[in-house]
Amino acid sequence: MNKSLKDLRIERGITLDELASLSGLSKLYLYNLESGLIKDPKLDYIGRVALALECDIANVCLAILGKMEVK
C-alpha cells in the first residue's frame, strides 16, 4: 500500500507550515493536495514538495495519486 502525502510529511517530522515554507507553496494548497482536492497538480509543484521532503519525486507522485479518485 502506498503512503499518503501526509504520511510522508509526518514521517519526516515536518508540519504543514514547515512544508509550505520549505516548498514555497501555500499551506492551503498543500492541505488541498494532501486531501486529494487538487486533481492536476503542476509537476513543478510536485518537485518542490519532493525537494522539501527530501524524497524521490516518484514517491510523491504515488502518494498524490493514491488520494485521487480514478474514474
PDB file of N, CA and C in Angstrom:
ATOM      1  N   MET A   1       0.833  -1.179   0.000  1.00  0.00           N
ATOM      2  CA  MET A   1       0.000   0.000   0.000  1.00  0.00           C
ATOM      3  C   MET A   1       0.883   1.250   0.000  1.00  0.00           C
ATOM      4  N   ASN A   2       0.548   2.187  -0.847  1.00  0.00           N
ATOM      5  CA  ASN A   2       1.316   3.429  -0.921  1.00  0.00           C
ATOM      6  C   ASN A   2       1.010   4.319   0.276  1.00  0.00           C
ATOM      7  N   LYS A   3       2.013   5.085   0.654  1.00  0.00           N
ATOM      8  CA  LYS A   3       1.821   6.061   1.720  1.00  0.00           C
ATOM      9  C   LYS A   3       1.175   7.299   1.137  1.00  0.00           C
ATOM     10  N   SER A   4       0.407   7.984   1.970  1.00  0.00           N
ATOM     11  CA  SER A   4      -0.179   9.244   1.531  1.00  0.00           C
ATOM     12  C   SER A   4       0.873  10.338   1.653  1.00  0.00           C
ATOM     13  N   LEU A   5       0.596  11.459   1.020  1.00  0.00           N
ATOM     14  CA  LEU A   5       1.498  12.600   1.103  1.00  0.00           C
ATOM     15  C   LEU A   5       1.628  13.053   2.558  1.00  0.00           C
ATOM     16  N   LYS A   6       0.524  13.037   3.273  1.00  0.00           N
ATOM     17  CA  LYS A   6       0.555  13.410   4.686  1.00  0.00           C
ATOM     18  C   LYS A   6       1.439  12.444   5.473  1.00  0.00           C
ATOM     19  N   ASP A   7       1.347  11.150   5.166  1.00  0.00           N
ATOM     20  CA  ASP A   7       2.205  10.155   5.829  1.00  0.00           C
ATOM     21  C   ASP A   7       3.681  10.461   5.588  1.00  0.00           C
ATOM     22  N   LEU A   8       4.021  10.782   4.338  1.00  0.00           N
ATOM     23  CA  LEU A   8       5.417  11.106   4.016  1.00  0.00           C
ATOM     24  C   LEU A   8       5.888  12.317   4.809  1.00  0.00           C
ATOM     25  N   ARG A   9       5.028  13.309   4.900  1.00  0.00           N
ATOM     26  CA  ARG A   9       5.374  14.539   5.616  1.00  0.00           C
ATOM     27  C   ARG A   9       5.563  14.270   7.102  1.00  0.00           C
ATOM     28  N   ILE A  10       4.618  13.569   7.701  1.00  0.00           N
ATOM     29  CA  ILE A  10       4.677  13.278   9.132  1.00  0.00           C
ATOM     30  C   ILE A  10       5.868  12.377   9.454  1.00  0.00           C
ATOM     31  N   GLU A  11       6.127  11.415   8.589  1.00  0.00           N
ATOM     32  CA  GLU A  11       7.259  10.502   8.766  1.00  0.00           C
ATOM     33  C   GLU A  11       8.575  11.274   8.874  1.00  0.00           C
ATOM     34  N   ARG A  12       8.638  12.409   8.193  1.00  0.00           N
ATOM     35  CA  ARG A  12       9.856  13.219   8.203  1.00  0.00           C
ATOM     36  C   ARG A  12       9.836  14.296   9.287  1.00  0.00           C
ATOM     37  N   GLY A  13       8.770  14.308  10.073  1.00  0.00           N
ATOM     38  CA  GLY A  13       8.672  15.240  11.181  1.00  0.00           C
ATOM     39  C   GLY A  13       8.483  16.687  10.750  1.00  0.00           C
ATOM     40  N   ILE A  14       7.794  16.873   9.625  1.00  0.00           N
ATOM     41  CA  ILE A  14       7.589  18.217   9.077  1.00  0.00           C
ATOM     42  C   ILE A  14       6.114  18.587   9.195  1.00  0.00           C
ATOM     43  N   THR A  15       5.849  19.760   9.724  1.00  0.00           N
ATOM     44  CA  THR A  15       4.471  20.241   9.808  1.00  0.00           C
ATOM     45  C   THR A  15       4.048  20.811   8.456  1.00  0.00           C
ATOM     46  N   LEU A  16       2.756  21.024   8.323  1.00  0.00           N
ATOM     47  CA  LEU A  16       2.239  21.621   7.090  1.00  0.00           C
ATOM     48  C   LEU A  16       2.800  23.035   6.904  1.00  0.00           C
ATOM     49  N   ASP A  17       2.907  23.786   8.000  1.00  0.00           N
ATOM     50  CA  ASP A  17       3.506  25.129   7.932  1.00  0.00           C
ATOM     51  C   ASP A  17       4.955  25.074   7.450  1.00  0.00           C
ATOM     52  N   GLU A  18       5.709  24.114   7.979  1.00  0.00           N
ATOM     53  CA  GLU A  18       7.113  23.970   7.578  1.00  0.00           C
ATOM     54  C   GLU A  18       7.230  23.569   6.114  1.00  0.00           C
ATOM     55  N   LEU A  19       6.365  22.667   5.677  1.00  0.00           N
ATOM     56  CA  LEU A  19       6.390  22.245   4.275  1.00  0.00           C
ATOM     57  C   LEU A  19       6.061  23.422   3.364  1.00  0.00           C
ATOM     58  N   ALA A  20       5.117  24.240   3.779  1.00  0.00           N
ATOM     59  CA  ALA A  20       4.772  25.422   2.996  1.00  0.00           C
ATOM     60  C   ALA A  20       5.986  26.345   2.879  1.00  0.00           C
ATOM     61  N   SER A  21       6.667  26.565   3.977  1.00  0.00           N
ATOM     62  CA  SER A  21       7.840  27.426   3.980  1.00  0.00           C
ATOM     63  C   SER A  21       8.971  26.837   3.126  1.00  0.00           C
ATOM     64  N   LEU A  22       9.209  25.548   3.263  1.00  0.00           N
ATOM     65  CA  LEU A  22      10.294  24.888   2.528  1.00  0.00           C
ATOM     66  C   LEU A  22      10.029  24.800   1.024  1.00  0.00           C
ATOM     67  N   SER A  23       8.768  24.614   0.659  1.00  0.00           N
ATOM     68  CA  SER A  23       8.423  24.410  -0.752  1.00  0.00           C
ATOM     69  C   SER A  23       8.056  25.701  -1.480  1.00  0.00           C
ATOM     70  N   GLY A  24       7.725  26.745  -0.707  1.00  0.00           N
ATOM     71  CA  GLY A  24       7.267  27.985  -1.327  1.00  0.00           C
ATOM     72  C   GLY A  24       5.828  27.919  -1.809  1.00  0.00           C
ATOM     73  N   LEU A  25       5.102  26.910  -1.367  1.00  0.00           N
ATOM     74  CA  LEU A  25       3.692  26.755  -1.726  1.00  0.00           C
ATOM     75  C   LEU A  25       2.841  27.131  -0.517  1.00  0.00           C
ATOM     76  N   SER A  26       1.603  27.524  -0.757  1.00  0.00           N
ATOM     77  CA  SER A  26       0.754  27.934   0.360  1.00  0.00           C
ATOM     78  C   SER A  26       0.313  26.722   1.177  1.00  0.00           C
ATOM     79  N   LYS A  27       0.037  26.988   2.439  1.00  0.00           N
ATOM     80  CA  LYS A  27      -0.452  25.943   3.335  1.00  0.00           C
ATOM     81  C   LYS A  27      -1.782  25.388   2.826  1.00  0.00           C
ATOM     82  N   LEU A  28      -2.651  26.266   2.325  1.00  0.00           N
ATOM     83  CA  LEU A  28      -3.945  25.832   1.791  1.00  0.00           C
ATOM     84  C   LEU A  28      -3.756  24.910   0.589  1.00  0.00           C
ATOM     85  N   TYR A  29      -2.848  25.278  -0.318  1.00  0.00           N
ATOM     86  CA  TYR A  29      -2.587  24.437  -1.492  1.00  0.00           C
ATOM     87  C   TYR A  29      -2.111  23.054  -1.045  1.00  0.00           C
ATOM     88  N   LEU A  30      -1.186  23.021  -0.107  1.00  0.00           N
ATOM     89  CA  LEU A  30      -0.643  21.742   0.361  1.00  0.00           C
ATOM     90  C   LEU A  30      -1.707  20.911   1.075  1.00  0.00           C
ATOM     91  N   TYR A  31      -2.549  21.575   1.864  1.00  0.00           N
ATOM     92  CA  TYR A  31      -3.645  20.870   2.526  1.00  0.00           C
ATOM     93  C   TYR A  31      -4.567  20.240   1.483  1.00  0.00           C
ATOM     94  N   ASN A  32      -4.914  21.022   0.471  1.00  0.00           N
ATOM     95  CA  ASN A  32      -5.778  20.508  -0.595  1.00  0.00           C
ATOM     96  C   ASN A  32      -5.107  19.387  -1.372  1.00  0.00           C
ATOM     97  N   LEU A  33      -3.802  19.489  -1.565  1.00  0.00           N
ATOM     98  CA  LEU A  33      -3.053  18.434  -2.250  1.00  0.00           C
ATOM     99  C   LEU A  33      -3.064  17.154  -1.419  1.00  0.00           C
ATOM    100  N   GLU A  34      -2.836  17.283  -0.118  1.00  0.00           N
ATOM    101  CA  GLU A  34      -2.872  16.113   0.767  1.00  0.00           C
ATOM    102  C   GLU A  34      -4.264  15.490   0.820  1.00  0.00           C
ATOM    103  N   SER A  35      -5.278  16.316   0.689  1.00  0.00           N
ATOM    104  CA  SER A  35      -6.666  15.841   0.783  1.00  0.00           C
ATOM    105  C   SER A  35      -7.191  15.269  -0.533  1.00  0.00           C
ATOM    106  N   GLY A  36      -6.431  15.408  -1.599  1.00  0.00           N
ATOM    107  CA  GLY A  36      -6.862  14.891  -2.895  1.00  0.00           C
ATOM    108  C   GLY A  36      -7.801  15.824  -3.638  1.00  0.00           C
ATOM    109  N   LEU A  37      -7.874  17.071  -3.199  1.00  0.00           N
ATOM    110  CA  LEU A  37      -8.782  18.026  -3.838  1.00  0.00           C
ATOM    111  C   LEU A  37      -8.199  18.654  -5.099  1.00  0.00           C
ATOM    112  N   ILE A  38      -6.897  18.576  -5.252  1.00  0.00           N
ATOM    113  CA  ILE A  38      -6.253  19.118  -6.457  1.00  0.00           C
ATOM    114  C   ILE A  38      -6.070  17.970  -7.430  1.00  0.00           C
ATOM    115  N   LYS A  39      -6.762  18.063  -8.546  1.00  0.00           N
ATOM    116  CA  LYS A  39      -6.816  16.949  -9.495  1.00  0.00           C
ATOM    117  C   LYS A  39      -5.673  16.937 -10.501  1.00  0.00           C
ATOM    118  N   ASP A  40      -5.052  18.074 -10.728  1.00  0.00           N
ATOM    119  CA  ASP A  40      -3.998  18.151 -11.743  1.00  0.00           C
ATOM    120  C   ASP A  40      -2.847  19.039 -11.255  1.00  0.00           C
ATOM    121  N   PRO A  41      -2.102  18.549 -10.244  1.00  0.00           N
ATOM    122  CA  PRO A  41      -1.020  19.384  -9.715  1.00  0.00           C
ATOM    123  C   PRO A  41       0.100  19.564 -10.740  1.00  0.00           C
ATOM    124  N   LYS A  42       0.690  20.738 -10.729  1.00  0.00           N
ATOM    125  CA  LYS A  42       1.791  21.020 -11.648  1.00  0.00           C
ATOM    126  C   LYS A  42       3.020  20.213 -11.241  1.00  0.00           C
ATOM    127  N   LEU A  43       3.735  19.714 -12.230  1.00  0.00           N
ATOM    128  CA  LEU A  43       4.931  18.928 -11.973  1.00  0.00           C
ATOM    129  C   LEU A  43       5.952  19.732 -11.177  1.00  0.00           C
ATOM    130  N   ASP A  44       6.048  21.025 -11.464  1.00  0.00           N
ATOM    131  CA  ASP A  44       6.958  21.883 -10.717  1.00  0.00           C
ATOM    132  C   ASP A  44       6.623  21.871  -9.227  1.00  0.00           C
ATOM    133  N   TYR A  45       5.340  21.911  -8.910  1.00  0.00           N
ATOM    134  CA  TYR A  45       4.917  21.921  -7.509  1.00  0.00           C
ATOM    135  C   TYR A  45       5.211  20.577  -6.844  1.00  0.00           C
ATOM    136  N   ILE A  46       5.002  19.501  -7.578  1.00  0.00           N
ATOM    137  CA  ILE A  46       5.318  18.169  -7.055  1.00  0.00           C
ATOM    138  C   ILE A  46       6.817  18.084  -6.767  1.00  0.00           C
ATOM    139  N   GLY A  47       7.610  18.634  -7.669  1.00  0.00           N
ATOM    140  CA  GLY A  47       9.056  18.657  -7.469  1.00  0.00           C
ATOM    141  C   GLY A  47       9.456  19.454  -6.249  1.00  0.00           C
ATOM    142  N   ARG A  48       8.802  20.583  -6.026  1.00  0.00           N
ATOM    143  CA  ARG A  48       9.092  21.396  -4.836  1.00  0.00           C
ATOM    144  C   ARG A  48       8.786  20.622  -3.552  1.00  0.00           C
ATOM    145  N   VAL A  49       7.672  19.915  -3.558  1.00  0.00           N
ATOM    146  CA  VAL A  49       7.297  19.122  -2.388  1.00  0.00           C
ATOM    147  C   VAL A  49       8.322  18.008  -2.163  1.00  0.00           C
ATOM    148  N   ALA A  50       8.720  17.346  -3.225  1.00  0.00           N
ATOM    149  CA  ALA A  50       9.704  16.268  -3.117  1.00  0.00           C
ATOM    150  C   ALA A  50      11.024  16.796  -2.552  1.00  0.00           C
ATOM    151  N   LEU A  51      11.481  17.932  -3.051  1.00  0.00           N
ATOM    152  CA  LEU A  51      12.725  18.518  -2.531  1.00  0.00           C
ATOM    153  C   LEU A  51      12.578  18.886  -1.057  1.00  0.00           C
ATOM    154  N   ALA A  52      11.466  19.483  -0.700  1.00  0.00           N
ATOM    155  CA  ALA A  52      11.242  19.890   0.684  1.00  0.00           C
ATOM    156  C   ALA A  52      11.197  18.684   1.624  1.00  0.00           C
ATOM    157  N   LEU A  53      10.633  17.569   1.137  1.00  0.00           N
ATOM    158  CA  LEU A  53      10.543  16.357   1.947  1.00  0.00           C
ATOM    159  C   LEU A  53      11.797  15.496   1.846  1.00  0.00           C
ATOM    160  N   GLU A  54      12.726  15.911   0.983  1.00  0.00           N
ATOM    161  CA  GLU A  54      13.935  15.122   0.712  1.00  0.00           C
ATOM    162  C   GLU A  54      13.537  13.694   0.346  1.00  0.00           C
ATOM    163  N   CYS A  55      12.678  13.635  -0.645  1.00  0.00           N
ATOM    164  CA  CYS A  55      12.032  12.388  -1.046  1.00  0.00           C
ATOM    165  C   CYS A  55      12.073  12.275  -2.567  1.00  0.00           C
ATOM    166  N   ASP A  56      12.068  11.077  -3.074  1.00  0.00           N
ATOM    167  CA  ASP A  56      12.032  10.835  -4.504  1.00  0.00           C
ATOM    168  C   ASP A  56      10.717  11.350  -5.078  1.00  0.00           C
ATOM    169  N   ILE A  57      10.795  12.030  -6.214  1.00  0.00           N
ATOM    170  CA  ILE A  57       9.588  12.604  -6.820  1.00  0.00           C
ATOM    171  C   ILE A  57       8.570  11.513  -7.182  1.00  0.00           C
ATOM    172  N   ALA A  58       9.033  10.328  -7.519  1.00  0.00           N
ATOM    173  CA  ALA A  58       8.119   9.232  -7.846  1.00  0.00           C
ATOM    174  C   ALA A  58       7.265   8.854  -6.640  1.00  0.00           C
ATOM    175  N   ASN A  59       7.862   8.861  -5.454  1.00  0.00           N
ATOM    176  CA  ASN A  59       7.101   8.540  -4.244  1.00  0.00           C
ATOM    177  C   ASN A  59       6.054   9.603  -3.953  1.00  0.00           C
ATOM    178  N   VAL A  60       6.388  10.860  -4.203  1.00  0.00           N
ATOM    179  CA  VAL A  60       5.430  11.943  -4.002  1.00  0.00           C
ATOM    180  C   VAL A  60       4.282  11.802  -4.999  1.00  0.00           C
ATOM    181  N   CYS A  61       4.600  11.488  -6.251  1.00  0.00           N
ATOM    182  CA  CYS A  61       3.552  11.286  -7.265  1.00  0.00           C
ATOM    183  C   CYS A  61       2.622  10.144  -6.861  1.00  0.00           C
ATOM    184  N   LEU A  62       3.181   9.049  -6.408  1.00  0.00           N
ATOM    185  CA  LEU A  62       2.351   7.915  -5.984  1.00  0.00           C
ATOM    186  C   LEU A  62       1.477   8.282  -4.786  1.00  0.00           C
ATOM    187  N   ALA A  63       2.033   9.056  -3.862  1.00  0.00           N
ATOM    188  CA  ALA A  63       1.269   9.481  -2.691  1.00  0.00           C
ATOM    189  C   ALA A  63       0.100  10.374  -3.113  1.00  0.00           C
ATOM    190  N   ILE A  64       0.336  11.252  -4.055  1.00  0.00           N
ATOM    191  CA  ILE A  64      -0.723  12.141  -4.538  1.00  0.00           C
ATOM    192  C   ILE A  64      -1.771  11.354  -5.311  1.00  0.00           C
ATOM    193  N   LEU A  65      -1.329  10.483  -6.188  1.00  0.00           N
ATOM    194  CA  LEU A  65      -2.265   9.693  -6.982  1.00  0.00           C
ATOM    195  C   LEU A  65      -3.117   8.778  -6.116  1.00  0.00           C
ATOM    196  N   GLY A  66      -2.576   8.335  -5.018  1.00  0.00           N
ATOM    197  CA  GLY A  66      -3.321   7.474  -4.104  1.00  0.00           C
ATOM    198  C   GLY A  66      -4.512   8.158  -3.490  1.00  0.00           C
ATOM    199  N   LYS A  67      -4.500   9.490  -3.430  1.00  0.00           N
ATOM    200  CA  LYS A  67      -5.595  10.259  -2.856  1.00  0.00           C
ATOM    201  C   LYS A  67      -6.633  10.660  -3.904  1.00  0.00           C
ATOM    202  N   MET A  68      -6.292  10.565  -5.174  1.00  0.00           N
ATOM    203  CA  MET A  68      -7.202  10.986  -6.230  1.00  0.00           C
ATOM    204  C   MET A  68      -8.171   9.866  -6.586  1.00  0.00           C
ATOM    205  N   GLU A  69      -9.370  10.254  -6.920  1.00  0.00           N
ATOM    206  CA  GLU A  69     -10.347   9.275  -7.397  1.00  0.00           C
ATOM    207  C   GLU A  69     -10.112   9.058  -8.886  1.00  0.00           C
ATOM    208  N   VAL A  70      -9.965   7.804  -9.264  1.00  0.00           N
ATOM    209  CA  VAL A  70      -9.768   7.471 -10.668  1.00  0.00           C
ATOM    210  C   VAL A  70     -11.102   7.041 -11.247  1.00  0.00           C
ATOM    211  N   LYS A  71     -11.474   7.701 -12.334  1.00  0.00           N
ATOM    212  CA  LYS A  71     -12.770   7.369 -12.968  1.00  0.00           C
ATOM    213  C   LYS A  71     -12.565   6.694 -14.272  1.00  0.00           C
TER     214      LYS A  71
END
